[in-house]
Amino acid sequence: HGLHQQGGVQAGDTLVTGAYGVVGGYESELERTMFVGE
């Protein structure tokens, strides 16, 4: 549950994402692991 940090995205970074919608009070959950560059 890492917090946001200063600085920009760098080549070689691992990114862990989170996204959700809320409809009628009900939530979804989506998370992905992404990479910057190869």
All heavy atoms as atom14 arrays in JSON, in Angstrom:
{
  "sequence": "HGLHQQGGVQAGDTLVTGAYGVVGGYESELERTMFVGE",
  "atom14_mask": [
    [1, 1, 1, 1, 1, 1, 1, 1, 1, 1, 0, 0, 0, 0],
    [1, 1, 1, 1, 0, 0, 0, 0, 0, 0, 0, 0, 0, 0],
    [1, 1, 1, 1, 1, 1, 1, 1, 0, 0, 0, 0, 0, 0],
    [1, 1, 1, 1, 1, 1, 1, 1, 1, 1, 0, 0, 0, 0],
    [1, 1, 1, 1, 1, 1, 1, 1, 1, 0, 0, 0, 0, 0],
    [1, 1, 1, 1, 1, 1, 1, 1, 1, 0, 0, 0, 0, 0],
    [1, 1, 1, 1, 0, 0, 0, 0, 0, 0, 0, 0, 0, 0],
    [1, 1, 1, 1, 0, 0, 0, 0, 0, 0, 0, 0, 0, 0],
    [1, 1, 1, 1, 1, 1, 1, 0, 0, 0, 0, 0, 0, 0],
    [1, 1, 1, 1, 1, 1, 1, 1, 1, 0, 0, 0, 0, 0],
    [1, 1, 1, 1, 1, 0, 0, 0, 0, 0, 0, 0, 0, 0],
    [1, 1, 1, 1, 0, 0, 0, 0, 0, 0, 0, 0, 0, 0],
    [1, 1, 1, 1, 1, 1, 1, 1, 0, 0, 0, 0, 0, 0],
    [1, 1, 1, 1, 1, 1, 1, 0, 0, 0, 0, 0, 0, 0],
    [1, 1, 1, 1, 1, 1, 1, 1, 0, 0, 0, 0, 0, 0],
    [1, 1, 1, 1, 1, 1, 1, 0, 0, 0, 0, 0, 0, 0],
    [1, 1, 1, 1, 1, 1, 1, 0, 0, 0, 0, 0, 0, 0],
    [1, 1, 1, 1, 0, 0, 0, 0, 0, 0, 0, 0, 0, 0],
    [1, 1, 1, 1, 1, 0, 0, 0, 0, 0, 0, 0, 0, 0],
    [1, 1, 1, 1, 1, 1, 1, 1, 1, 1, 1, 1, 0, 0],
    [1, 1, 1, 1, 0, 0, 0, 0, 0, 0, 0, 0, 0, 0],
    [1, 1, 1, 1, 1, 1, 1, 0, 0, 0, 0, 0, 0, 0],
    [1, 1, 1, 1, 1, 1, 1, 0, 0, 0, 0, 0, 0, 0],
    [1, 1, 1, 1, 0, 0, 0, 0, 0, 0, 0, 0, 0, 0],
    [1, 1, 1, 1, 0, 0, 0, 0, 0, 0, 0, 0, 0, 0],
    [1, 1, 1, 1, 1, 1, 1, 1, 1, 1, 1, 1, 0, 0],
    [1, 1, 1, 1, 1, 1, 1, 1, 1, 0, 0, 0, 0, 0],
    [1, 1, 1, 1, 1, 1, 0, 0, 0, 0, 0, 0, 0, 0],
    [1, 1, 1, 1, 1, 1, 1, 1, 1, 0, 0, 0, 0, 0],
    [1, 1, 1, 1, 1, 1, 1, 1, 0, 0, 0, 0, 0, 0],
    [1, 1, 1, 1, 1, 1, 1, 1, 1, 0, 0, 0, 0, 0],
    [1, 1, 1, 1, 1, 1, 1, 1, 1, 1, 1, 0, 0, 0],
    [1, 1, 1, 1, 1, 1, 1, 0, 0, 0, 0, 0, 0, 0],
    [1, 1, 1, 1, 1, 1, 1, 1, 0, 0, 0, 0, 0, 0],
    [1, 1, 1, 1, 1, 1, 1, 1, 1, 1, 1, 0, 0, 0],
    [1, 1, 1, 1, 1, 1, 1, 0, 0, 0, 0, 0, 0, 0],
    [1, 1, 1, 1, 0, 0, 0, 0, 0, 0, 0, 0, 0, 0],
    [1, 1, 1, 1, 1, 1, 1, 1, 1, 0, 0, 0, 0, 0]
  ],
  "atom14_positions": [
    [[0.84, -1.19, 0.0], [0.0, 0.0, 0.0], [0.88, 1.25, 0.0], [0.69, 2.17, 0.79], [-0.95, 0.01, 1.21], [-2.01, -1.04, 1.13], [-2.77, -1.42, 2.21], [-2.46, -1.79, 0.1], [-3.63, -2.37, 1.85], [-3.45, -2.61, 0.57], [0.0, 0.0, 0.0], [0.0, 0.0, 0.0], [0.0, 0.0, 0.0], [0.0, 0.0, 0.0]],
    [[1.84, 1.27, -0.91], [2.75, 2.4, -0.98], [2.04, 3.69, -1.33], [1.06, 3.71, -2.07], [0.0, 0.0, 0.0], [0.0, 0.0, 0.0], [0.0, 0.0, 0.0], [0.0, 0.0, 0.0], [0.0, 0.0, 0.0], [0.0, 0.0, 0.0], [0.0, 0.0, 0.0], [0.0, 0.0, 0.0], [0.0, 0.0, 0.0], [0.0, 0.0, 0.0]],
    [[2.54, 4.8, -0.77], [1.97, 6.11, -1.03], [2.63, 6.74, -2.25], [3.68, 6.29, -2.71], [2.16, 7.01, 0.19], [1.59, 6.49, 1.52], [1.87, 7.48, 2.65], [0.09, 6.24, 1.41], [0.0, 0.0, 0.0], [0.0, 0.0, 0.0], [0.0, 0.0, 0.0], [0.0, 0.0, 0.0], [0.0, 0.0, 0.0], [0.0, 0.0, 0.0]],
    [[2.02, 7.78, -2.77], [2.61, 8.49, -3.89], [3.94, 9.13, -3.49], [4.15, 9.44, -2.31], [1.66, 9.59, -4.39], [0.46, 9.06, -5.1], [0.54, 8.42, -6.32], [-0.86, 9.06, -4.75], [-0.68, 8.06, -6.7], [-1.53, 8.43, -5.78], [0.0, 0.0, 0.0], [0.0, 0.0, 0.0], [0.0, 0.0, 0.0], [0.0, 0.0, 0.0]],
    [[4.82, 9.32, -4.46], [6.1, 9.96, -4.2], [6.41, 11.0, -5.27], [5.83, 10.98, -6.35], [7.22, 8.92, -4.14], [7.41, 8.11, -5.41], [8.48, 7.05, -5.27], [9.23, 7.04, -4.32], [8.56, 6.15, -6.24], [0.0, 0.0, 0.0], [0.0, 0.0, 0.0], [0.0, 0.0, 0.0], [0.0, 0.0, 0.0], [0.0, 0.0, 0.0]],
    [[7.33, 11.88, -4.95], [7.73, 12.92, -5.88], [8.59, 12.33, -7.0], [9.18, 11.26, -6.85], [8.56, 13.98, -5.14], [7.74, 14.85, -4.2], [7.01, 15.97, -4.93], [6.77, 15.89, -6.14], [6.63, 17.0, -4.21], [0.0, 0.0, 0.0], [0.0, 0.0, 0.0], [0.0, 0.0, 0.0], [0.0, 0.0, 0.0], [0.0, 0.0, 0.0]],
    [[8.66, 13.05, -8.12], [9.51, 12.63, -9.23], [8.7, 11.96, -10.32], [7.57, 11.52, -10.12], [0.0, 0.0, 0.0], [0.0, 0.0, 0.0], [0.0, 0.0, 0.0], [0.0, 0.0, 0.0], [0.0, 0.0, 0.0], [0.0, 0.0, 0.0], [0.0, 0.0, 0.0], [0.0, 0.0, 0.0], [0.0, 0.0, 0.0], [0.0, 0.0, 0.0]],
    [[9.29, 11.92, -11.51], [8.59, 11.38, -12.66], [8.91, 9.92, -12.94], [9.87, 9.35, -12.41], [0.0, 0.0, 0.0], [0.0, 0.0, 0.0], [0.0, 0.0, 0.0], [0.0, 0.0, 0.0], [0.0, 0.0, 0.0], [0.0, 0.0, 0.0], [0.0, 0.0, 0.0], [0.0, 0.0, 0.0], [0.0, 0.0, 0.0], [0.0, 0.0, 0.0]],
    [[8.09, 9.31, -13.78], [8.27, 7.92, -14.2], [9.61, 7.79, -14.94], [9.96, 8.62, -15.77], [7.11, 7.5, -15.12], [7.39, 6.17, -15.8], [5.8, 7.45, -14.32], [0.0, 0.0, 0.0], [0.0, 0.0, 0.0], [0.0, 0.0, 0.0], [0.0, 0.0, 0.0], [0.0, 0.0, 0.0], [0.0, 0.0, 0.0], [0.0, 0.0, 0.0]],
    [[10.33, 6.72, -14.61], [11.65, 6.49, -15.2], [11.69, 5.18, -15.97], [10.94, 4.23, -15.66], [12.72, 6.46, -14.1], [12.79, 7.71, -13.25], [13.16, 8.94, -14.05], [14.04, 8.87, -14.91], [12.49, 10.05, -13.79], [0.0, 0.0, 0.0], [0.0, 0.0, 0.0], [0.0, 0.0, 0.0], [0.0, 0.0, 0.0], [0.0, 0.0, 0.0]],
    [[12.55, 5.1, -16.96], [12.76, 3.85, -17.7], [13.17, 2.76, -16.71], [13.98, 2.99, -15.81], [13.85, 4.04, -18.75], [0.0, 0.0, 0.0], [0.0, 0.0, 0.0], [0.0, 0.0, 0.0], [0.0, 0.0, 0.0], [0.0, 0.0, 0.0], [0.0, 0.0, 0.0], [0.0, 0.0, 0.0], [0.0, 0.0, 0.0], [0.0, 0.0, 0.0]],
    [[12.59, 1.58, -16.88], [12.88, 0.46, -16.0], [11.97, 0.36, -14.79], [12.02, -0.65, -14.06], [0.0, 0.0, 0.0], [0.0, 0.0, 0.0], [0.0, 0.0, 0.0], [0.0, 0.0, 0.0], [0.0, 0.0, 0.0], [0.0, 0.0, 0.0], [0.0, 0.0, 0.0], [0.0, 0.0, 0.0], [0.0, 0.0, 0.0], [0.0, 0.0, 0.0]],
    [[11.12, 1.38, -14.57], [10.21, 1.36, -13.41], [9.19, 0.23, -13.52], [8.67, -0.06, -14.61], [9.43, 2.67, -13.3], [10.15, 3.74, -12.51], [11.17, 3.42, -11.87], [9.69, 4.9, -12.52], [0.0, 0.0, 0.0], [0.0, 0.0, 0.0], [0.0, 0.0, 0.0], [0.0, 0.0, 0.0], [0.0, 0.0, 0.0], [0.0, 0.0, 0.0]],
    [[8.91, -0.37, -12.39], [7.7, -1.18, -12.22], [6.59, -0.26, -11.74], [6.81, 0.57, -10.85], [7.92, -2.3, -11.19], [8.97, -3.16, -11.63], [6.65, -3.11, -10.98], [0.0, 0.0, 0.0], [0.0, 0.0, 0.0], [0.0, 0.0, 0.0], [0.0, 0.0, 0.0], [0.0, 0.0, 0.0], [0.0, 0.0, 0.0], [0.0, 0.0, 0.0]],
    [[5.42, -0.37, -12.32], [4.26, 0.39, -11.9], [3.21, -0.57, -11.37], [2.95, -1.61, -11.97], [3.66, 1.2, -13.05], [4.59, 2.06, -13.91], [3.78, 2.78, -14.99], [5.36, 3.05, -13.06], [0.0, 0.0, 0.0], [0.0, 0.0, 0.0], [0.0, 0.0, 0.0], [0.0, 0.0, 0.0], [0.0, 0.0, 0.0], [0.0, 0.0, 0.0]],
    [[2.6, -0.23, -10.25], [1.44, -0.97, -9.75], [0.27, 0.0, -9.71], [0.36, 1.08, -9.12], [1.68, -1.6, -8.38], [0.39, -2.21, -7.83], [2.77, -2.67, -8.46], [0.0, 0.0, 0.0], [0.0, 0.0, 0.0], [0.0, 0.0, 0.0], [0.0, 0.0, 0.0], [0.0, 0.0, 0.0], [0.0, 0.0, 0.0], [0.0, 0.0, 0.0]],
    [[-0.81, -0.38, -10.36], [-1.94, 0.51, -10.57], [-3.16, 0.09, -9.76], [-3.23, -1.04, -9.25], [-2.34, 0.55, -12.05], [-2.93, -0.72, -12.38], [-1.14, 0.79, -12.95], [0.0, 0.0, 0.0], [0.0, 0.0, 0.0], [0.0, 0.0, 0.0], [0.0, 0.0, 0.0], [0.0, 0.0, 0.0], [0.0, 0.0, 0.0], [0.0, 0.0, 0.0]],
    [[-4.11, 0.99, -9.67], [-5.4, 0.67, -9.09], [-6.48, 1.47, -9.8], [-6.26, 2.65, -10.1], [0.0, 0.0, 0.0], [0.0, 0.0, 0.0], [0.0, 0.0, 0.0], [0.0, 0.0, 0.0], [0.0, 0.0, 0.0], [0.0, 0.0, 0.0], [0.0, 0.0, 0.0], [0.0, 0.0, 0.0], [0.0, 0.0, 0.0], [0.0, 0.0, 0.0]],
    [[-7.61, 0.86, -10.09], [-8.7, 1.58, -10.75], [-10.02, 0.97, -10.29], [-10.09, -0.22, -9.99], [-8.57, 1.48, -12.27], [0.0, 0.0, 0.0], [0.0, 0.0, 0.0], [0.0, 0.0, 0.0], [0.0, 0.0, 0.0], [0.0, 0.0, 0.0], [0.0, 0.0, 0.0], [0.0, 0.0, 0.0], [0.0, 0.0, 0.0], [0.0, 0.0, 0.0]],
    [[-11.04, 1.82, -10.24], [-12.36, 1.32, -9.85], [-13.43, 2.28, -10.34], [-13.18, 3.45, -10.61], [-12.45, 1.15, -8.33], [-12.34, 2.43, -7.54], [-13.46, 3.17, -7.18], [-11.09, 2.91, -7.14], [-13.36, 4.33, -6.44], [-10.97, 4.08, -6.4], [-12.1, 4.78, -6.05], [-11.99, 5.95, -5.32], [0.0, 0.0, 0.0], [0.0, 0.0, 0.0]],
    [[-14.63, 1.74, -10.46], [-15.81, 2.54, -10.68], [-16.73, 2.41, -9.5], [-16.62, 1.45, -8.72], [0.0, 0.0, 0.0], [0.0, 0.0, 0.0], [0.0, 0.0, 0.0], [0.0, 0.0, 0.0], [0.0, 0.0, 0.0], [0.0, 0.0, 0.0], [0.0, 0.0, 0.0], [0.0, 0.0, 0.0], [0.0, 0.0, 0.0], [0.0, 0.0, 0.0]],
    [[-17.64, 3.35, -9.35], [-18.68, 3.28, -8.31], [-20.02, 3.58, -8.97], [-20.21, 4.67, -9.52], [-18.42, 4.28, -7.17], [-19.47, 4.09, -6.08], [-17.03, 4.12, -6.59], [0.0, 0.0, 0.0], [0.0, 0.0, 0.0], [0.0, 0.0, 0.0], [0.0, 0.0, 0.0], [0.0, 0.0, 0.0], [0.0, 0.0, 0.0], [0.0, 0.0, 0.0]],
    [[-20.93, 2.62, -8.93], [-22.25, 2.77, -9.55], [-23.3, 2.32, -8.54], [-23.25, 1.19, -8.04], [-22.36, 1.95, -10.84], [-23.76, 2.07, -11.44], [-21.31, 2.4, -11.86], [0.0, 0.0, 0.0], [0.0, 0.0, 0.0], [0.0, 0.0, 0.0], [0.0, 0.0, 0.0], [0.0, 0.0, 0.0], [0.0, 0.0, 0.0], [0.0, 0.0, 0.0]],
    [[-24.24, 3.2, -8.23], [-25.28, 2.86, -7.25], [-24.73, 2.58, -5.88], [-25.37, 1.89, -5.08], [0.0, 0.0, 0.0], [0.0, 0.0, 0.0], [0.0, 0.0, 0.0], [0.0, 0.0, 0.0], [0.0, 0.0, 0.0], [0.0, 0.0, 0.0], [0.0, 0.0, 0.0], [0.0, 0.0, 0.0], [0.0, 0.0, 0.0], [0.0, 0.0, 0.0]],
    [[-23.53, 3.1, -5.58], [-22.89, 2.86, -4.29], [-21.99, 1.64, -4.28], [-21.28, 1.41, -3.3], [0.0, 0.0, 0.0], [0.0, 0.0, 0.0], [0.0, 0.0, 0.0], [0.0, 0.0, 0.0], [0.0, 0.0, 0.0], [0.0, 0.0, 0.0], [0.0, 0.0, 0.0], [0.0, 0.0, 0.0], [0.0, 0.0, 0.0], [0.0, 0.0, 0.0]],
    [[-21.98, 0.85, -5.37], [-21.21, -0.39, -5.43], [-19.92, -0.21, -6.22], [-19.91, 0.44, -7.26], [-22.06, -1.51, -6.05], [-23.13, -1.99, -5.11], [-24.33, -1.29, -4.98], [-22.94, -3.11, -4.31], [-25.32, -1.7, -4.1], [-23.91, -3.53, -3.42], [-25.1, -2.82, -3.31], [-26.06, -3.23, -2.42], [0.0, 0.0, 0.0], [0.0, 0.0, 0.0]],
    [[-18.85, -0.81, -5.71], [-17.52, -0.62, -6.26], [-17.06, -1.8, -7.1], [-17.55, -2.92, -6.97], [-16.5, -0.41, -5.13], [-16.77, 0.8, -4.27], [-15.66, 1.07, -3.27], [-14.56, 0.47, -3.41], [-15.88, 1.86, -2.34], [0.0, 0.0, 0.0], [0.0, 0.0, 0.0], [0.0, 0.0, 0.0], [0.0, 0.0, 0.0], [0.0, 0.0, 0.0]],
    [[-16.08, -1.52, -7.97], [-15.34, -2.55, -8.68], [-13.89, -2.51, -8.2], [-13.52, -1.61, -7.43], [-15.39, -2.32, -10.19], [-14.72, -1.11, -10.53], [0.0, 0.0, 0.0], [0.0, 0.0, 0.0], [0.0, 0.0, 0.0], [0.0, 0.0, 0.0], [0.0, 0.0, 0.0], [0.0, 0.0, 0.0], [0.0, 0.0, 0.0], [0.0, 0.0, 0.0]],
    [[-13.08, -3.45, -8.65], [-11.66, -3.42, -8.31], [-10.84, -3.93, -9.49], [-11.16, -4.97, -10.08], [-11.36, -4.25, -7.06], [-9.9, -4.2, -6.66], [-9.63, -4.7, -5.25], [-10.37, -4.33, -4.31], [-8.67, -5.49, -5.08], [0.0, 0.0, 0.0], [0.0, 0.0, 0.0], [0.0, 0.0, 0.0], [0.0, 0.0, 0.0], [0.0, 0.0, 0.0]],
    [[-9.79, -3.19, -9.82], [-8.88, -3.55, -10.9], [-7.5, -3.04, -10.53], [-7.34, -1.88, -10.16], [-9.33, -2.91, -12.21], [-8.35, -2.98, -13.39], [-8.23, -4.4, -13.9], [-8.77, -2.03, -14.5], [0.0, 0.0, 0.0], [0.0, 0.0, 0.0], [0.0, 0.0, 0.0], [0.0, 0.0, 0.0], [0.0, 0.0, 0.0], [0.0, 0.0, 0.0]],
    [[-6.49, -3.91, -10.61], [-5.1, -3.52, -10.4], [-4.24, -4.24, -11.44], [-4.55, -5.38, -11.81], [-4.62, -3.89, -8.99], [-5.35, -3.13, -7.89], [-5.02, -3.63, -6.49], [-4.44, -4.74, -6.37], [-5.36, -2.93, -5.53], [0.0, 0.0, 0.0], [0.0, 0.0, 0.0], [0.0, 0.0, 0.0], [0.0, 0.0, 0.0], [0.0, 0.0, 0.0]],
    [[-3.2, -3.57, -11.87], [-2.29, -4.16, -12.83], [-0.84, -3.8, -12.49], [-0.56, -2.75, -11.91], [-2.6, -3.67, -14.25], [-3.89, -4.22, -14.83], [-3.81, -5.71, -15.09], [-5.03, -6.26, -15.65], [-6.0, -6.85, -14.94], [-5.88, -6.93, -13.61], [-7.06, -7.34, -15.53], [0.0, 0.0, 0.0], [0.0, 0.0, 0.0], [0.0, 0.0, 0.0]],
    [[0.07, -4.69, -12.9], [1.5, -4.44, -12.84], [1.96, -4.1, -14.25], [1.7, -4.87, -15.2], [2.25, -5.67, -12.32], [1.77, -5.99, -11.01], [3.75, -5.41, -12.25], [0.0, 0.0, 0.0], [0.0, 0.0, 0.0], [0.0, 0.0, 0.0], [0.0, 0.0, 0.0], [0.0, 0.0, 0.0], [0.0, 0.0, 0.0], [0.0, 0.0, 0.0]],
    [[2.64, -2.96, -14.4], [3.11, -2.53, -15.72], [4.6, -2.2, -15.63], [5.15, -2.02, -14.54], [2.32, -1.31, -16.2], [0.81, -1.53, -16.22], [-0.09, -0.27, -17.19], [0.33, 1.22, -16.3], [0.0, 0.0, 0.0], [0.0, 0.0, 0.0], [0.0, 0.0, 0.0], [0.0, 0.0, 0.0], [0.0, 0.0, 0.0], [0.0, 0.0, 0.0]],
    [[5.24, -2.12, -16.78], [6.66, -1.82, -16.83], [6.93, -0.71, -17.84], [6.28, -0.63, -18.88], [7.47, -3.06, -17.22], [7.25, -4.22, -16.29], [6.44, -5.29, -16.67], [7.81, -4.24, -15.03], [6.22, -6.37, -15.82], [7.58, -5.3, -14.16], [6.79, -6.37, -14.56], [0.0, 0.0, 0.0], [0.0, 0.0, 0.0], [0.0, 0.0, 0.0]],
    [[7.91, 0.14, -17.51], [8.3, 1.24, -18.39], [9.5, 0.77, -19.2], [10.59, 0.56, -18.66], [8.64, 2.49, -17.58], [8.99, 3.65, -18.51], [7.46, 2.88, -16.68], [0.0, 0.0, 0.0], [0.0, 0.0, 0.0], [0.0, 0.0, 0.0], [0.0, 0.0, 0.0], [0.0, 0.0, 0.0], [0.0, 0.0, 0.0], [0.0, 0.0, 0.0]],
    [[9.3, 0.59, -20.5], [10.33, 0.03, -21.34], [10.34, -1.49, -21.25], [9.45, -2.11, -20.66], [0.0, 0.0, 0.0], [0.0, 0.0, 0.0], [0.0, 0.0, 0.0], [0.0, 0.0, 0.0], [0.0, 0.0, 0.0], [0.0, 0.0, 0.0], [0.0, 0.0, 0.0], [0.0, 0.0, 0.0], [0.0, 0.0, 0.0], [0.0, 0.0, 0.0]],
    [[11.35, -2.11, -21.82], [11.45, -3.57, -21.79], [11.8, -4.05, -20.39], [12.78, -3.6, -19.8], [12.5, -4.06, -22.78], [12.07, -3.96, -24.23], [10.85, -4.82, -24.52], [10.8, -5.97, -24.02], [9.94, -4.34, -25.22], [0.0, 0.0, 0.0], [0.0, 0.0, 0.0], [0.0, 0.0, 0.0], [0.0, 0.0, 0.0], [0.0, 0.0, 0.0]]
  ]
}
